[in-house]
Amino acid sequence: QVQLVESGGGLVQAGGSLRLSCAASGSIFSINAMGWYRQAPGKQRELVALITRANSTNYADSVKGRFTISRDNAKNTVYLQMNSLKPEDTAVYYCYAPRRFGSDYWGQGTQVTVSS
């Protein structure tokens, strides 16, 4: 059993920055990677960024060059630094931990709102 708890969401003006945090607890030995999804109203949930134990990263094309995912292994925490935010970045952001077998782990989500 793994729990993922997000924090750092909020309201920011376009062009501003936010940093999201996700702390993992529980059976974290089962986690091989962590990342972030987001879902905006009327949109599909999309993978924003992913970081593996090998420290490789993947980003959605829409956030490349603006968002950076990082990891603090000692704290079992991943971060998403979001710069140059755009209104289209407005969404609920979900921390995510894929599993090879069984259901993936999800946080409860944190709201990010970017005003025009």
C-alpha atoms as a PDB file:
ATOM      1  CA  GLN A   1       0.000   0.000   0.000  1.00  0.00           C
ATOM      2  CA  VAL A   2       1.356   3.382  -1.066  1.00  0.00           C
ATOM      3  CA  GLN A   3       0.041   6.829  -0.309  1.00  0.00           C
ATOM      4  CA  LEU A   4       0.857   9.826  -2.448  1.00  0.00           C
ATOM      5  CA  VAL A   5       0.208  13.303  -1.098  1.00  0.00           C
ATOM      6  CA  GLU A   6       0.478  16.355  -3.321  1.00  0.00           C
ATOM      7  CA  SER A   7       1.012  19.924  -2.251  1.00  0.00           C
ATOM      8  CA  GLY A   8       1.968  23.246  -3.765  1.00  0.00           C
ATOM      9  CA  GLY A   9      -0.962  23.975  -6.002  1.00  0.00           C
ATOM     10  CA  GLY A  10      -2.584  27.348  -6.096  1.00  0.00           C
ATOM     11  CA  LEU A  11      -3.465  30.370  -8.147  1.00  0.00           C
ATOM     12  CA  VAL A  12      -0.845  32.106 -10.233  1.00  0.00           C
ATOM     13  CA  GLN A  13      -0.821  34.611 -13.048  1.00  0.00           C
ATOM     14  CA  ALA A  14       0.249  33.647 -16.532  1.00  0.00           C
ATOM     15  CA  GLY A  15       4.010  33.680 -16.773  1.00  0.00           C
ATOM     16  CA  GLY A  16       4.421  32.826 -13.123  1.00  0.00           C
ATOM     17  CA  SER A  17       5.786  29.747 -11.423  1.00  0.00           C
ATOM     18  CA  LEU A  18       4.712  27.087  -8.977  1.00  0.00           C
ATOM     19  CA  ARG A  19       6.416  24.069  -7.505  1.00  0.00           C
ATOM     20  CA  LEU A  20       4.413  20.959  -6.748  1.00  0.00           C
ATOM     21  CA  SER A  21       5.551  18.329  -4.293  1.00  0.00           C
ATOM     22  CA  CYS A  22       4.503  14.724  -3.914  1.00  0.00           C
ATOM     23  CA  ALA A  23       5.508  12.705  -0.882  1.00  0.00           C
ATOM     24  CA  ALA A  24       5.227   8.941  -1.034  1.00  0.00           C
ATOM     25  CA  SER A  25       4.762   6.752   2.006  1.00  0.00           C
ATOM     26  CA  GLY A  26       3.968   3.140   2.730  1.00  0.00           C
ATOM     27  CA  SER A  27       5.356   0.293   0.659  1.00  0.00           C
ATOM     28  CA  ILE A  28       7.578   2.554  -1.366  1.00  0.00           C
ATOM     29  CA  PHE A  29       9.887  -0.312  -2.280  1.00  0.00           C
ATOM     30  CA  SER A  30       7.302  -1.205  -4.901  1.00  0.00           C
ATOM     31  CA  ILE A  31       7.682   2.139  -6.672  1.00  0.00           C
ATOM     32  CA  ASN A  32       9.986   2.220  -9.662  1.00  0.00           C
ATOM     33  CA  ALA A  33       9.075   5.672 -10.929  1.00  0.00           C
ATOM     34  CA  MET A  34       6.974   8.671 -10.051  1.00  0.00           C
ATOM     35  CA  GLY A  35       5.402  11.408 -12.050  1.00  0.00           C
ATOM     36  CA  TRP A  36       2.603  13.820 -12.614  1.00  0.00           C
ATOM     37  CA  TYR A  37      -0.611  13.691 -14.556  1.00  0.00           C
ATOM     38  CA  ARG A  38      -3.065  16.494 -14.995  1.00  0.00           C
ATOM     39  CA  GLN A  39      -6.671  16.786 -15.980  1.00  0.00           C
ATOM     40  CA  ALA A  40      -8.391  19.952 -17.065  1.00  0.00           C
ATOM     41  CA  PRO A  41     -12.161  20.320 -17.397  1.00  0.00           C
ATOM     42  CA  GLY A  42     -13.321  18.680 -20.600  1.00  0.00           C
ATOM     43  CA  LYS A  43      -9.886  17.239 -21.266  1.00  0.00           C
ATOM     44  CA  GLN A  44      -8.381  13.800 -21.007  1.00  0.00           C
ATOM     45  CA  ARG A  45      -6.016  13.091 -18.177  1.00  0.00           C
ATOM     46  CA  GLU A  46      -2.525  13.401 -19.591  1.00  0.00           C
ATOM     47  CA  LEU A  47       0.932  12.484 -18.438  1.00  0.00           C
ATOM     48  CA  VAL A  48       2.895  15.642 -17.719  1.00  0.00           C
ATOM     49  CA  ALA A  49       6.223  14.297 -16.529  1.00  0.00           C
ATOM     50  CA  LEU A  50       7.810  11.116 -15.255  1.00  0.00           C
ATOM     51  CA  ILE A  51      11.071  10.342 -13.515  1.00  0.00           C
ATOM     52  CA  THR A  52      12.514   6.872 -12.997  1.00  0.00           C
ATOM     53  CA  ARG A  53      14.908   5.424 -10.445  1.00  0.00           C
ATOM     54  CA  ALA A  54      17.560   5.717 -13.133  1.00  0.00           C
ATOM     55  CA  ASN A  55      16.773   9.443 -13.204  1.00  0.00           C
ATOM     56  CA  SER A  56      15.550   9.429 -16.755  1.00  0.00           C
ATOM     57  CA  THR A  57      12.739  11.853 -17.441  1.00  0.00           C
ATOM     58  CA  ASN A  58       9.903  12.231 -19.877  1.00  0.00           C
ATOM     59  CA  TYR A  59       7.747  15.262 -20.517  1.00  0.00           C
ATOM     60  CA  ALA A  60       4.633  16.017 -22.430  1.00  0.00           C
ATOM     61  CA  ASP A  61       5.392  18.110 -25.482  1.00  0.00           C
ATOM     62  CA  SER A  62       3.179  20.863 -24.124  1.00  0.00           C
ATOM     63  CA  VAL A  63       5.401  21.416 -21.080  1.00  0.00           C
ATOM     64  CA  LYS A  64       8.885  20.738 -22.432  1.00  0.00           C
ATOM     65  CA  GLY A  65      11.210  23.592 -21.657  1.00  0.00           C
ATOM     66  CA  ARG A  66       8.888  24.982 -19.004  1.00  0.00           C
ATOM     67  CA  PHE A  67       8.441  22.211 -16.443  1.00  0.00           C
ATOM     68  CA  THR A  68      11.115  20.246 -14.640  1.00  0.00           C
ATOM     69  CA  ILE A  69      10.575  17.081 -12.648  1.00  0.00           C
ATOM     70  CA  SER A  70      13.049  16.159  -9.940  1.00  0.00           C
ATOM     71  CA  ARG A  71      13.345  13.693  -7.103  1.00  0.00           C
ATOM     72  CA  ASP A  72      14.644  13.619  -3.557  1.00  0.00           C
ATOM     73  CA  ASN A  73      15.171   9.948  -2.840  1.00  0.00           C
ATOM     74  CA  ALA A  74      15.906  10.511   0.849  1.00  0.00           C
ATOM     75  CA  LYS A  75      12.490  12.099   1.284  1.00  0.00           C
ATOM     76  CA  ASN A  76      10.685   9.838  -1.178  1.00  0.00           C
ATOM     77  CA  THR A  77       9.445  13.009  -2.772  1.00  0.00           C
ATOM     78  CA  VAL A  78       9.139  14.221  -6.329  1.00  0.00           C
ATOM     79  CA  TYR A  79       8.772  17.803  -7.408  1.00  0.00           C
ATOM     80  CA  LEU A  80       7.408  19.517 -10.430  1.00  0.00           C
ATOM     81  CA  GLN A  81       8.812  22.960 -11.030  1.00  0.00           C
ATOM     82  CA  MET A  82       6.450  24.783 -13.341  1.00  0.00           C
ATOM     83  CA  ASN A  83       7.679  27.957 -14.989  1.00  0.00           C
ATOM     84  CA  SER A  84       6.182  30.229 -17.611  1.00  0.00           C
ATOM     85  CA  LEU A  85       2.744  29.001 -16.714  1.00  0.00           C
ATOM     86  CA  LYS A  86      -0.046  29.412 -19.204  1.00  0.00           C
ATOM     87  CA  PRO A  87      -3.807  29.424 -18.695  1.00  0.00           C
ATOM     88  CA  GLU A  88      -3.953  26.098 -20.518  1.00  0.00           C
ATOM     89  CA  ASP A  89      -1.878  24.611 -17.707  1.00  0.00           C
ATOM     90  CA  THR A  90      -4.884  25.023 -15.432  1.00  0.00           C
ATOM     91  CA  ALA A  91      -5.821  21.574 -14.200  1.00  0.00           C
ATOM     92  CA  VAL A  92      -5.878  19.251 -11.266  1.00  0.00           C
ATOM     93  CA  TYR A  93      -2.421  17.766 -11.004  1.00  0.00           C
ATOM     94  CA  TYR A  94      -2.131  14.217  -9.747  1.00  0.00           C
ATOM     95  CA  CYS A  95       0.926  12.536  -8.379  1.00  0.00           C
ATOM     96  CA  TYR A  96       1.386   9.138  -9.964  1.00  0.00           C
ATOM     97  CA  ALA A  97       3.426   6.024  -9.377  1.00  0.00           C
ATOM     98  CA  PRO A  98       3.198   3.281 -11.967  1.00  0.00           C
ATOM     99  CA  ARG A  99       3.301  -0.360 -11.028  1.00  0.00           C
ATOM    100  CA  ARG A 100       4.499  -3.218 -13.172  1.00  0.00           C
ATOM    101  CA  PHE A 101       1.714  -5.386 -11.796  1.00  0.00           C
ATOM    102  CA  GLY A 102      -1.537  -4.285 -10.271  1.00  0.00           C
ATOM    103  CA  SER A 103      -3.126  -0.870 -10.093  1.00  0.00           C
ATOM    104  CA  ASP A 104      -1.076   2.276 -10.349  1.00  0.00           C
ATOM    105  CA  TYR A 105      -0.943   4.600  -7.358  1.00  0.00           C
ATOM    106  CA  TRP A 106      -2.566   8.021  -7.444  1.00  0.00           C
ATOM    107  CA  GLY A 107      -2.650  11.019  -5.189  1.00  0.00           C
ATOM    108  CA  GLN A 108      -5.793  12.995  -4.511  1.00  0.00           C
ATOM    109  CA  GLY A 109      -4.743  15.867  -6.728  1.00  0.00           C
ATOM    110  CA  THR A 110      -3.871  19.499  -6.247  1.00  0.00           C
ATOM    111  CA  GLN A 111      -5.491  22.335  -8.141  1.00  0.00           C
ATOM    112  CA  VAL A 112      -3.352  24.607 -10.278  1.00  0.00           C
ATOM    113  CA  THR A 113      -5.092  27.646 -11.685  1.00  0.00           C
ATOM    114  CA  VAL A 114      -3.342  30.028 -14.050  1.00  0.00           C
ATOM    115  CA  SER A 115      -5.116  33.300 -14.685  1.00  0.00           C
ATOM    116  CA  SER A 116      -4.840  35.297 -17.887  1.00  0.00           C
END
